[in-house]
Every structure is written in C-alpha cells, then in structure tokens.
N, C-alpha and C. Protein backbone atom coordinates (compact mmCIF):
# COMPACT_ATOMS: atom_id res chain seq x y z
N MET A 1 102.87 -164.48 187.33
CA MET A 1 103.19 -163.37 186.45
C MET A 1 102.97 -163.82 185.01
N LYS A 2 102.27 -162.95 184.26
CA LYS A 2 102.03 -163.21 182.84
C LYS A 2 103.05 -162.44 182.02
N THR A 3 103.57 -163.07 180.97
CA THR A 3 104.58 -162.44 180.12
C THR A 3 104.09 -162.40 178.67
N TYR A 4 104.30 -161.25 178.03
CA TYR A 4 103.93 -161.05 176.63
C TYR A 4 105.13 -160.45 175.91
N THR A 5 105.31 -160.84 174.66
CA THR A 5 106.42 -160.32 173.86
C THR A 5 105.93 -159.91 172.48
N TYR A 6 106.65 -158.96 171.88
CA TYR A 6 106.37 -158.56 170.51
C TYR A 6 107.56 -157.75 170.00
N CYS A 7 107.63 -157.60 168.69
CA CYS A 7 108.71 -156.84 168.05
C CYS A 7 108.08 -155.75 167.19
N HIS A 8 108.70 -154.58 167.22
CA HIS A 8 108.19 -153.45 166.44
C HIS A 8 109.33 -152.87 165.62
N PRO A 9 109.10 -152.63 164.32
CA PRO A 9 110.14 -152.00 163.50
C PRO A 9 110.54 -150.64 164.07
N GLU A 10 111.77 -150.27 163.81
CA GLU A 10 112.30 -148.99 164.28
C GLU A 10 111.51 -147.81 163.71
N ALA A 11 110.98 -147.97 162.51
CA ALA A 11 110.29 -146.88 161.81
C ALA A 11 109.04 -146.45 162.57
N ILE A 12 109.05 -145.23 163.07
CA ILE A 12 107.93 -144.71 163.85
C ILE A 12 106.64 -144.66 163.02
N GLU A 13 106.76 -144.48 161.73
CA GLU A 13 105.58 -144.33 160.88
C GLU A 13 104.92 -145.66 160.51
N TYR A 14 105.48 -146.78 160.94
CA TYR A 14 104.95 -148.10 160.60
C TYR A 14 103.51 -148.26 161.08
N THR A 15 102.62 -148.69 160.19
CA THR A 15 101.21 -148.82 160.53
C THR A 15 100.68 -150.24 160.37
N GLY A 16 101.56 -151.21 160.19
CA GLY A 16 101.11 -152.60 160.07
C GLY A 16 100.77 -153.21 161.42
N ASP A 17 100.20 -154.40 161.37
CA ASP A 17 99.85 -155.13 162.59
C ASP A 17 101.09 -155.72 163.23
N ILE A 18 101.20 -155.57 164.54
CA ILE A 18 102.29 -156.14 165.33
C ILE A 18 101.69 -157.24 166.20
N PRO A 19 102.02 -158.50 165.95
CA PRO A 19 101.46 -159.57 166.78
C PRO A 19 102.05 -159.57 168.19
N ILE A 20 101.19 -159.75 169.18
CA ILE A 20 101.58 -159.84 170.58
C ILE A 20 101.41 -161.29 171.00
N LEU A 21 102.50 -161.85 171.54
CA LEU A 21 102.53 -163.27 171.88
C LEU A 21 102.50 -163.48 173.39
N ASN A 22 101.83 -164.55 173.81
CA ASN A 22 101.88 -164.91 175.23
C ASN A 22 103.06 -165.84 175.49
N GLU A 23 103.12 -166.40 176.71
CA GLU A 23 104.27 -167.24 177.10
C GLU A 23 104.46 -168.47 176.22
N THR A 24 103.36 -168.97 175.66
CA THR A 24 103.45 -170.18 174.84
C THR A 24 103.66 -169.87 173.35
N GLY A 25 103.79 -168.59 173.01
CA GLY A 25 104.03 -168.21 171.63
C GLY A 25 102.76 -168.01 170.80
N GLU A 26 101.61 -168.04 171.45
CA GLU A 26 100.35 -167.83 170.73
C GLU A 26 100.08 -166.34 170.57
N VAL A 27 99.54 -165.97 169.41
CA VAL A 27 99.15 -164.58 169.19
C VAL A 27 97.87 -164.33 169.98
N VAL A 28 97.92 -163.34 170.88
CA VAL A 28 96.75 -163.01 171.70
C VAL A 28 96.14 -161.66 171.33
N ALA A 29 96.89 -160.84 170.61
CA ALA A 29 96.40 -159.52 170.20
C ALA A 29 97.34 -158.95 169.15
N TYR A 30 96.95 -157.79 168.62
CA TYR A 30 97.76 -157.06 167.66
C TYR A 30 97.80 -155.59 168.06
N SER A 31 98.94 -154.96 167.86
CA SER A 31 99.09 -153.52 168.07
C SER A 31 99.22 -152.88 166.69
N ARG A 32 98.60 -151.68 166.55
CA ARG A 32 98.65 -151.01 165.25
C ARG A 32 98.58 -149.50 165.44
N ARG A 33 99.48 -148.79 164.77
CA ARG A 33 99.40 -147.33 164.74
C ARG A 33 98.32 -146.96 163.74
N ILE A 34 97.49 -145.99 164.11
CA ILE A 34 96.32 -145.62 163.32
C ILE A 34 96.38 -144.15 162.91
N TYR A 35 95.99 -143.88 161.69
CA TYR A 35 95.71 -142.52 161.25
C TYR A 35 94.25 -142.49 160.84
N ASP A 36 93.52 -141.48 161.32
CA ASP A 36 92.09 -141.40 161.01
C ASP A 36 91.82 -141.09 159.54
N ASN A 37 92.79 -140.42 158.89
CA ASN A 37 92.61 -140.14 157.47
C ASN A 37 93.96 -139.83 156.83
N PHE A 38 93.95 -139.78 155.52
CA PHE A 38 95.16 -139.57 154.74
C PHE A 38 95.81 -138.22 155.04
N LEU A 39 95.00 -137.17 155.23
CA LEU A 39 95.54 -135.84 155.49
C LEU A 39 96.31 -135.78 156.81
N LYS A 40 95.81 -136.46 157.83
CA LYS A 40 96.51 -136.49 159.12
C LYS A 40 97.87 -137.17 158.97
N LYS A 41 97.90 -138.23 158.18
CA LYS A 41 99.18 -138.93 157.98
C LYS A 41 100.16 -138.04 157.24
N ARG A 42 99.71 -137.35 156.20
CA ARG A 42 100.59 -136.46 155.43
C ARG A 42 101.07 -135.29 156.30
N PHE A 43 100.16 -134.72 157.07
CA PHE A 43 100.53 -133.62 157.95
C PHE A 43 101.53 -134.09 159.00
N ASP A 44 101.35 -135.31 159.48
CA ASP A 44 102.24 -135.87 160.51
C ASP A 44 103.66 -136.05 159.98
N GLU A 45 103.80 -136.31 158.69
CA GLU A 45 105.13 -136.44 158.10
C GLU A 45 105.94 -135.16 158.32
N ILE A 46 105.28 -134.03 158.24
CA ILE A 46 105.95 -132.75 158.45
C ILE A 46 106.52 -132.66 159.86
N PHE A 47 105.82 -133.24 160.82
CA PHE A 47 106.23 -133.18 162.23
C PHE A 47 106.95 -134.44 162.67
N ASP A 48 107.63 -135.11 161.74
CA ASP A 48 108.46 -136.28 162.06
C ASP A 48 107.65 -137.40 162.71
N PHE A 49 106.40 -137.55 162.30
CA PHE A 49 105.50 -138.62 162.76
C PHE A 49 105.27 -138.60 164.26
N ARG A 50 105.29 -137.42 164.87
CA ARG A 50 105.12 -137.33 166.32
C ARG A 50 103.94 -136.45 166.74
N TYR A 51 103.18 -135.94 165.81
CA TYR A 51 102.08 -135.05 166.18
C TYR A 51 100.77 -135.81 166.37
N PHE A 52 100.34 -136.50 165.31
CA PHE A 52 99.13 -137.31 165.41
C PHE A 52 99.55 -138.72 165.81
N LEU A 53 99.21 -139.10 167.00
CA LEU A 53 99.60 -140.42 167.47
C LEU A 53 98.39 -141.14 168.01
N LYS A 54 98.15 -142.33 167.49
CA LYS A 54 97.04 -143.14 167.96
C LYS A 54 97.43 -144.60 167.78
N TYR A 55 97.31 -145.36 168.84
CA TYR A 55 97.56 -146.81 168.77
C TYR A 55 96.32 -147.56 169.20
N ASP A 56 95.98 -148.59 168.45
CA ASP A 56 94.92 -149.51 168.82
C ASP A 56 95.57 -150.85 169.15
N VAL A 57 95.00 -151.53 170.11
CA VAL A 57 95.33 -152.93 170.35
C VAL A 57 94.07 -153.71 170.03
N LEU A 58 94.21 -154.67 169.15
CA LEU A 58 93.09 -155.44 168.63
C LEU A 58 93.17 -156.88 169.09
N ASP A 59 92.02 -157.55 169.20
CA ASP A 59 92.05 -158.97 169.56
C ASP A 59 92.41 -159.79 168.32
N TYR A 60 92.44 -161.09 168.50
CA TYR A 60 92.85 -162.01 167.43
C TYR A 60 91.98 -161.85 166.18
N ASP A 61 90.69 -161.47 166.38
CA ASP A 61 89.77 -161.32 165.26
C ASP A 61 89.73 -159.90 164.68
N GLY A 62 90.58 -159.02 165.19
CA GLY A 62 90.65 -157.66 164.67
C GLY A 62 89.71 -156.68 165.35
N GLU A 63 89.05 -157.09 166.42
CA GLU A 63 88.16 -156.19 167.16
C GLU A 63 88.99 -155.33 168.12
N LYS A 64 88.66 -154.05 168.18
CA LYS A 64 89.39 -153.11 169.02
C LYS A 64 89.19 -153.43 170.50
N LEU A 65 90.32 -153.49 171.23
CA LEU A 65 90.30 -153.72 172.67
C LEU A 65 90.61 -152.44 173.45
N PHE A 66 91.60 -151.68 172.98
CA PHE A 66 92.04 -150.50 173.71
C PHE A 66 92.66 -149.53 172.71
N THR A 67 92.44 -148.24 172.92
CA THR A 67 93.01 -147.19 172.08
C THR A 67 93.70 -146.17 172.98
N VAL A 68 94.85 -145.71 172.54
CA VAL A 68 95.50 -144.58 173.21
C VAL A 68 95.87 -143.57 172.13
N LYS A 69 95.58 -142.30 172.42
CA LYS A 69 95.90 -141.27 171.44
C LYS A 69 96.49 -140.07 172.15
N LYS A 70 97.35 -139.38 171.42
CA LYS A 70 98.01 -138.18 171.93
C LYS A 70 97.08 -136.99 171.71
N ILE A 71 97.01 -136.15 172.73
CA ILE A 71 96.20 -134.94 172.63
C ILE A 71 97.09 -133.76 173.01
N SER A 72 97.09 -132.75 172.17
CA SER A 72 97.89 -131.55 172.41
C SER A 72 96.98 -130.35 172.20
N ARG A 73 96.71 -129.62 173.29
CA ARG A 73 95.86 -128.45 173.19
C ARG A 73 96.41 -127.32 174.05
N ARG A 74 96.45 -126.14 173.50
CA ARG A 74 96.88 -124.94 174.21
C ARG A 74 98.21 -125.13 174.94
N GLY A 75 99.14 -125.76 174.27
CA GLY A 75 100.47 -125.94 174.84
C GLY A 75 100.58 -127.07 175.85
N LYS A 76 99.51 -127.81 176.08
CA LYS A 76 99.54 -128.93 177.01
C LYS A 76 99.46 -130.24 176.24
N LEU A 77 100.12 -131.25 176.80
CA LEU A 77 100.20 -132.55 176.15
C LEU A 77 99.76 -133.62 177.12
N TRP A 78 98.93 -134.53 176.65
CA TRP A 78 98.54 -135.70 177.43
C TRP A 78 98.08 -136.78 176.46
N PHE A 79 97.86 -137.96 177.00
CA PHE A 79 97.32 -139.07 176.23
C PHE A 79 95.98 -139.45 176.83
N GLU A 80 95.13 -140.02 175.99
CA GLU A 80 93.84 -140.51 176.47
C GLU A 80 93.75 -141.98 176.07
N GLY A 81 93.46 -142.82 177.03
CA GLY A 81 93.28 -144.25 176.77
C GLY A 81 91.82 -144.62 176.96
N ILE A 82 91.31 -145.46 176.08
CA ILE A 82 89.90 -145.86 176.17
C ILE A 82 89.79 -147.37 175.97
N GLU A 83 89.16 -148.03 176.94
CA GLU A 83 88.82 -149.45 176.79
C GLU A 83 87.64 -149.53 175.84
N ALA A 84 87.74 -150.33 174.81
CA ALA A 84 86.69 -150.38 173.79
C ALA A 84 85.38 -150.95 174.34
N GLU A 85 85.45 -152.01 175.11
CA GLU A 85 84.23 -152.68 175.57
C GLU A 85 83.45 -151.86 176.59
N THR A 86 84.14 -151.31 177.57
CA THR A 86 83.47 -150.60 178.66
C THR A 86 83.41 -149.09 178.44
N LYS A 87 84.17 -148.57 177.48
CA LYS A 87 84.31 -147.13 177.22
C LYS A 87 84.96 -146.40 178.40
N LYS A 88 85.61 -147.13 179.28
CA LYS A 88 86.30 -146.54 180.42
C LYS A 88 87.47 -145.72 179.89
N LYS A 89 87.60 -144.49 180.42
CA LYS A 89 88.61 -143.57 179.93
C LYS A 89 89.71 -143.40 180.98
N TYR A 90 90.95 -143.35 180.48
CA TYR A 90 92.12 -143.10 181.31
C TYR A 90 92.82 -141.85 180.78
N ILE A 91 93.27 -141.01 181.69
CA ILE A 91 94.07 -139.85 181.33
C ILE A 91 95.52 -140.20 181.66
N ILE A 92 96.39 -140.01 180.70
CA ILE A 92 97.79 -140.36 180.83
C ILE A 92 98.59 -139.08 180.62
N SER A 93 99.30 -138.66 181.65
CA SER A 93 100.01 -137.39 181.54
C SER A 93 101.35 -137.43 182.24
N TYR A 94 102.23 -136.57 181.79
CA TYR A 94 103.57 -136.47 182.35
C TYR A 94 103.62 -135.41 183.44
N GLU A 95 104.47 -135.66 184.41
CA GLU A 95 104.86 -134.65 185.37
C GLU A 95 106.36 -134.50 185.23
N ASN A 96 106.84 -133.30 185.38
CA ASN A 96 108.26 -133.01 185.24
C ASN A 96 108.78 -133.36 183.85
N TRP A 97 107.99 -133.11 182.82
CA TRP A 97 108.37 -133.55 181.47
C TRP A 97 109.52 -132.75 180.87
N ARG A 98 109.89 -131.69 181.49
CA ARG A 98 110.99 -130.89 180.94
C ARG A 98 112.36 -131.34 181.44
N ILE A 99 112.37 -132.33 182.32
CA ILE A 99 113.65 -132.83 182.85
C ILE A 99 113.84 -134.27 182.42
N GLY A 100 115.06 -134.67 182.17
CA GLY A 100 115.45 -136.05 181.87
C GLY A 100 114.34 -137.01 181.51
N LEU A 101 114.06 -137.93 182.41
CA LEU A 101 112.99 -138.91 182.21
C LEU A 101 111.80 -138.52 183.08
N PRO A 102 110.75 -138.01 182.45
CA PRO A 102 109.60 -137.57 183.24
C PRO A 102 108.82 -138.76 183.80
N THR A 103 108.01 -138.48 184.82
CA THR A 103 107.14 -139.50 185.41
C THR A 103 105.80 -139.42 184.71
N LEU A 104 105.29 -140.56 184.33
CA LEU A 104 104.01 -140.65 183.64
C LEU A 104 102.98 -141.18 184.63
N TYR A 105 101.81 -140.56 184.65
CA TYR A 105 100.73 -141.00 185.52
C TYR A 105 99.52 -141.38 184.67
N ILE A 106 98.87 -142.46 185.08
CA ILE A 106 97.70 -142.99 184.40
C ILE A 106 96.59 -143.02 185.43
N THR A 107 95.47 -142.34 185.13
CA THR A 107 94.39 -142.32 186.12
C THR A 107 93.03 -142.47 185.44
N ASP A 108 92.15 -143.13 186.15
CA ASP A 108 90.74 -143.21 185.76
C ASP A 108 89.91 -142.44 186.78
N HIS A 109 90.55 -141.64 187.60
CA HIS A 109 89.99 -140.83 188.68
C HIS A 109 89.62 -141.67 189.91
N LYS A 110 89.89 -142.97 189.87
CA LYS A 110 89.71 -143.83 191.04
C LYS A 110 91.05 -144.36 191.53
N MET A 111 91.92 -144.67 190.59
CA MET A 111 93.27 -145.12 190.94
C MET A 111 94.26 -144.33 190.10
N LYS A 112 95.49 -144.24 190.61
CA LYS A 112 96.54 -143.50 189.93
C LYS A 112 97.77 -144.39 189.83
N ILE A 113 98.09 -144.79 188.61
CA ILE A 113 99.24 -145.65 188.34
C ILE A 113 100.38 -144.77 187.86
N GLN A 114 101.55 -145.05 188.35
CA GLN A 114 102.75 -144.30 187.99
C GLN A 114 103.61 -145.19 187.09
N LEU A 115 104.13 -144.62 186.01
CA LEU A 115 105.05 -145.34 185.14
C LEU A 115 106.43 -144.71 185.29
N GLU A 116 107.35 -145.45 185.85
CA GLU A 116 108.74 -145.02 185.97
C GLU A 116 109.46 -145.50 184.72
N LYS A 117 109.58 -144.61 183.76
CA LYS A 117 110.14 -144.97 182.44
C LYS A 117 111.66 -145.01 182.49
N GLU A 118 112.23 -146.08 182.01
CA GLU A 118 113.67 -146.26 181.90
C GLU A 118 114.01 -146.52 180.44
N LEU A 119 115.13 -146.01 179.99
CA LEU A 119 115.51 -146.19 178.60
C LEU A 119 116.18 -147.53 178.32
N GLU A 120 116.96 -148.04 179.26
CA GLU A 120 117.72 -149.26 179.00
C GLU A 120 117.45 -150.37 180.01
N ASP A 121 116.40 -150.23 180.79
CA ASP A 121 116.07 -151.23 181.79
C ASP A 121 114.54 -151.36 181.83
N TRP A 122 114.03 -152.04 182.83
CA TRP A 122 112.59 -152.22 182.96
C TRP A 122 111.92 -150.91 183.36
N SER A 123 110.89 -150.53 182.63
CA SER A 123 110.01 -149.43 183.04
C SER A 123 108.93 -150.05 183.90
N LYS A 124 108.72 -149.49 185.09
CA LYS A 124 107.83 -150.12 186.07
C LYS A 124 106.53 -149.34 186.23
N PHE A 125 105.43 -150.08 186.25
CA PHE A 125 104.12 -149.54 186.56
C PHE A 125 103.91 -149.75 188.05
N LEU A 126 103.66 -148.65 188.77
CA LEU A 126 103.51 -148.72 190.22
C LEU A 126 102.12 -148.23 190.63
N LEU A 127 101.51 -148.96 191.54
CA LEU A 127 100.25 -148.56 192.15
C LEU A 127 100.47 -148.58 193.65
N ASN A 128 100.33 -147.43 194.28
CA ASN A 128 100.61 -147.30 195.73
C ASN A 128 102.02 -147.80 196.05
N GLN A 129 102.98 -147.41 195.21
CA GLN A 129 104.40 -147.73 195.35
C GLN A 129 104.72 -149.22 195.20
N GLU A 130 103.75 -150.02 194.75
CA GLU A 130 103.96 -151.45 194.54
C GLU A 130 103.94 -151.74 193.04
N GLU A 131 104.93 -152.50 192.57
CA GLU A 131 105.02 -152.81 191.15
C GLU A 131 103.90 -153.77 190.75
N ILE A 132 103.13 -153.35 189.73
CA ILE A 132 102.04 -154.20 189.24
C ILE A 132 102.36 -154.76 187.85
N ALA A 133 103.28 -154.11 187.14
CA ALA A 133 103.69 -154.59 185.82
C ALA A 133 105.00 -153.91 185.46
N ARG A 134 105.69 -154.50 184.47
CA ARG A 134 106.91 -153.87 183.97
C ARG A 134 107.05 -154.18 182.49
N TRP A 135 107.77 -153.28 181.81
CA TRP A 135 107.88 -153.35 180.36
C TRP A 135 109.28 -152.93 179.95
N LYS A 136 109.81 -153.63 178.97
CA LYS A 136 111.16 -153.34 178.52
C LYS A 136 111.21 -153.36 176.99
N ALA A 137 111.88 -152.35 176.43
CA ALA A 137 112.09 -152.28 174.99
C ALA A 137 113.59 -152.34 174.74
N GLU A 138 114.03 -153.37 174.05
CA GLU A 138 115.44 -153.51 173.72
C GLU A 138 115.60 -153.37 172.22
N TYR A 139 116.46 -152.46 171.82
CA TYR A 139 116.67 -152.23 170.40
C TYR A 139 117.69 -153.21 169.85
N CYS A 140 117.34 -153.87 168.76
CA CYS A 140 118.23 -154.80 168.08
C CYS A 140 118.66 -154.13 166.77
N GLU A 141 119.87 -153.60 166.76
CA GLU A 141 120.36 -152.83 165.62
C GLU A 141 120.44 -153.67 164.35
N THR A 142 120.86 -154.92 164.46
CA THR A 142 121.01 -155.77 163.27
C THR A 142 119.67 -156.06 162.61
N GLU A 143 118.60 -156.09 163.40
CA GLU A 143 117.27 -156.36 162.85
C GLU A 143 116.48 -155.09 162.60
N GLY A 144 116.96 -153.96 163.14
CA GLY A 144 116.26 -152.69 162.97
C GLY A 144 114.89 -152.67 163.62
N GLU A 145 114.79 -153.30 164.80
CA GLU A 145 113.51 -153.33 165.48
C GLU A 145 113.68 -153.37 166.99
N PHE A 146 112.61 -153.06 167.67
CA PHE A 146 112.58 -153.13 169.13
C PHE A 146 111.96 -154.47 169.54
N HIS A 147 112.58 -155.13 170.50
CA HIS A 147 112.05 -156.36 171.09
C HIS A 147 111.45 -155.97 172.43
N MET A 148 110.13 -156.13 172.56
CA MET A 148 109.42 -155.71 173.75
C MET A 148 109.00 -156.89 174.60
N THR A 149 109.07 -156.69 175.92
CA THR A 149 108.59 -157.68 176.87
C THR A 149 107.72 -156.95 177.89
N LEU A 150 106.54 -157.49 178.13
CA LEU A 150 105.63 -156.98 179.15
C LEU A 150 105.39 -158.09 180.16
N GLN A 151 105.53 -157.78 181.43
CA GLN A 151 105.21 -158.72 182.49
C GLN A 151 104.18 -158.09 183.41
N ILE A 152 103.08 -158.79 183.62
CA ILE A 152 102.01 -158.30 184.49
C ILE A 152 101.98 -159.17 185.74
N ASN A 153 102.16 -158.54 186.89
CA ASN A 153 102.15 -159.28 188.16
C ASN A 153 100.74 -159.74 188.50
N ASP A 154 100.66 -160.81 189.26
CA ASP A 154 99.36 -161.35 189.66
C ASP A 154 98.58 -160.38 190.53
N ASN A 155 99.27 -159.47 191.23
CA ASN A 155 98.60 -158.51 192.11
C ASN A 155 98.04 -157.30 191.38
N SER A 156 98.23 -157.20 190.08
CA SER A 156 97.78 -156.04 189.32
C SER A 156 96.26 -156.04 189.20
N PRO A 157 95.61 -154.88 189.47
CA PRO A 157 94.16 -154.81 189.27
C PRO A 157 93.79 -154.82 187.79
N ILE A 158 94.75 -154.56 186.93
CA ILE A 158 94.54 -154.62 185.47
C ILE A 158 95.36 -155.77 184.93
N GLN A 159 94.69 -156.77 184.40
CA GLN A 159 95.36 -157.96 183.89
C GLN A 159 95.38 -158.01 182.36
N GLN A 160 94.75 -157.02 181.71
CA GLN A 160 94.67 -157.01 180.26
C GLN A 160 95.94 -156.42 179.67
N PRO A 161 96.66 -157.18 178.85
CA PRO A 161 97.91 -156.67 178.26
C PRO A 161 97.69 -155.47 177.35
N GLN A 162 96.52 -155.36 176.74
CA GLN A 162 96.26 -154.25 175.81
C GLN A 162 96.38 -152.89 176.50
N PHE A 163 96.01 -152.79 177.75
CA PHE A 163 96.12 -151.55 178.51
C PHE A 163 97.58 -151.09 178.55
N PHE A 164 98.46 -151.97 178.99
CA PHE A 164 99.87 -151.63 179.15
C PHE A 164 100.57 -151.43 177.80
N ILE A 165 100.27 -152.29 176.84
CA ILE A 165 100.94 -152.23 175.54
C ILE A 165 100.61 -150.94 174.79
N ALA A 166 99.36 -150.55 174.77
CA ALA A 166 98.98 -149.31 174.07
C ALA A 166 99.69 -148.11 174.68
N ILE A 167 99.73 -148.04 176.00
CA ILE A 167 100.39 -146.92 176.68
C ILE A 167 101.89 -146.94 176.40
N CYS A 168 102.49 -148.11 176.48
CA CYS A 168 103.93 -148.21 176.24
C CYS A 168 104.30 -147.86 174.81
N GLN A 169 103.53 -148.30 173.84
CA GLN A 169 103.82 -147.97 172.45
C GLN A 169 103.80 -146.46 172.24
N ALA A 170 102.82 -145.79 172.80
CA ALA A 170 102.72 -144.35 172.63
C ALA A 170 103.90 -143.65 173.29
N THR A 171 104.27 -144.07 174.48
CA THR A 171 105.37 -143.41 175.18
C THR A 171 106.73 -143.75 174.59
N LEU A 172 106.88 -144.94 174.02
CA LEU A 172 108.15 -145.32 173.41
C LEU A 172 108.48 -144.42 172.23
N PHE A 173 107.52 -144.23 171.34
CA PHE A 173 107.80 -143.52 170.11
C PHE A 173 107.63 -142.01 170.19
N VAL A 174 106.87 -141.53 171.14
CA VAL A 174 106.69 -140.09 171.24
C VAL A 174 107.38 -139.56 172.46
N GLY A 175 107.23 -140.23 173.57
CA GLY A 175 107.88 -139.79 174.79
C GLY A 175 107.21 -138.59 175.42
N ALA A 176 107.18 -137.51 174.79
CA ALA A 176 106.48 -136.32 175.30
C ALA A 176 106.38 -135.30 174.19
C-alpha cells in the first residue's frame, strides 16, 4: 500500500501550490485550484467559491498530470477528470445527491469506481465492491487546515495519486 499526505488551508478560494508527500516525506506532486481567468474568479466569489471549480495536480517540475473540473449544465452537475499525458477522460457524477452523503461514481466507460464518501472517517474507492484506495480529510482547527491522507492498495488498477487527489479535492470543497 502506498501512502500520500498533504495539508490544505481551510479557505476554499486558496489557489497556491499544495505539496503532496510520499511515505518518506518527499514531494511527489502539487495540487492547485485553478481559475482560467480573472473574471471567473470574481464571478465565483459571488457564488461562495463553489461555481467554477478546477483542480490540477502537477508533477515536481510543474507539468500538469491530471485535471478535474466541475461542470454544471441545464440543472445537472458532474465533474470531468482528464489525464494530461494520455488525454483519457473520466466522468465523475453523483447518484442520490439530494440525500445525506451521496454516492460518487467515476467512469471511463470501461470501469466504474464508486467513492463512498465519509465526513469523519475513511472515504473508500471501490471497484467491483473491493477497496482499491481510501482517503481521509481531518480538520485541524488550531491550524485552520485539513490534513489529508491517501492510501492506494496494491490491487488498484490506478496507481497514480494524482487521479485520486484531484477527485478528492473537488469533492471535499464542493461536495455537490
């Protein structure tokens, strides 16, 4: 099992680089909230920083690895994830989003991963009812930030932390 950790300020509007560390404490990537332009950022302020949502995960040299962005059209909401190198696209959408904790599904039309989101425990990524990864966000009130831990099981068909981190960042701060 591979473990990654990082801390994110409580402020949803934060757009700085968030270093992602591996088990030995080395920076392996960075997470960053992105606005395509100044007008989108200003408009987003009106909507409590929850309308325009885009997260990039970058490698150590600042090259884009994975992007996830929120899409809202005709009353429907979903996220789109894109691997930068392969241009492989994932559709990330909620089912039962009007009740308590909705179930999130991630699909590339070949496999369907389920994210069982928990607020105070491990959120589990399941493929064919088997856990392939888990992620936990613990809020530290004294520091005003979230302490995140991602664990990827050896049996996961996706071993890249950027996939899980980008999706988790988007769901943590927006939810639905």
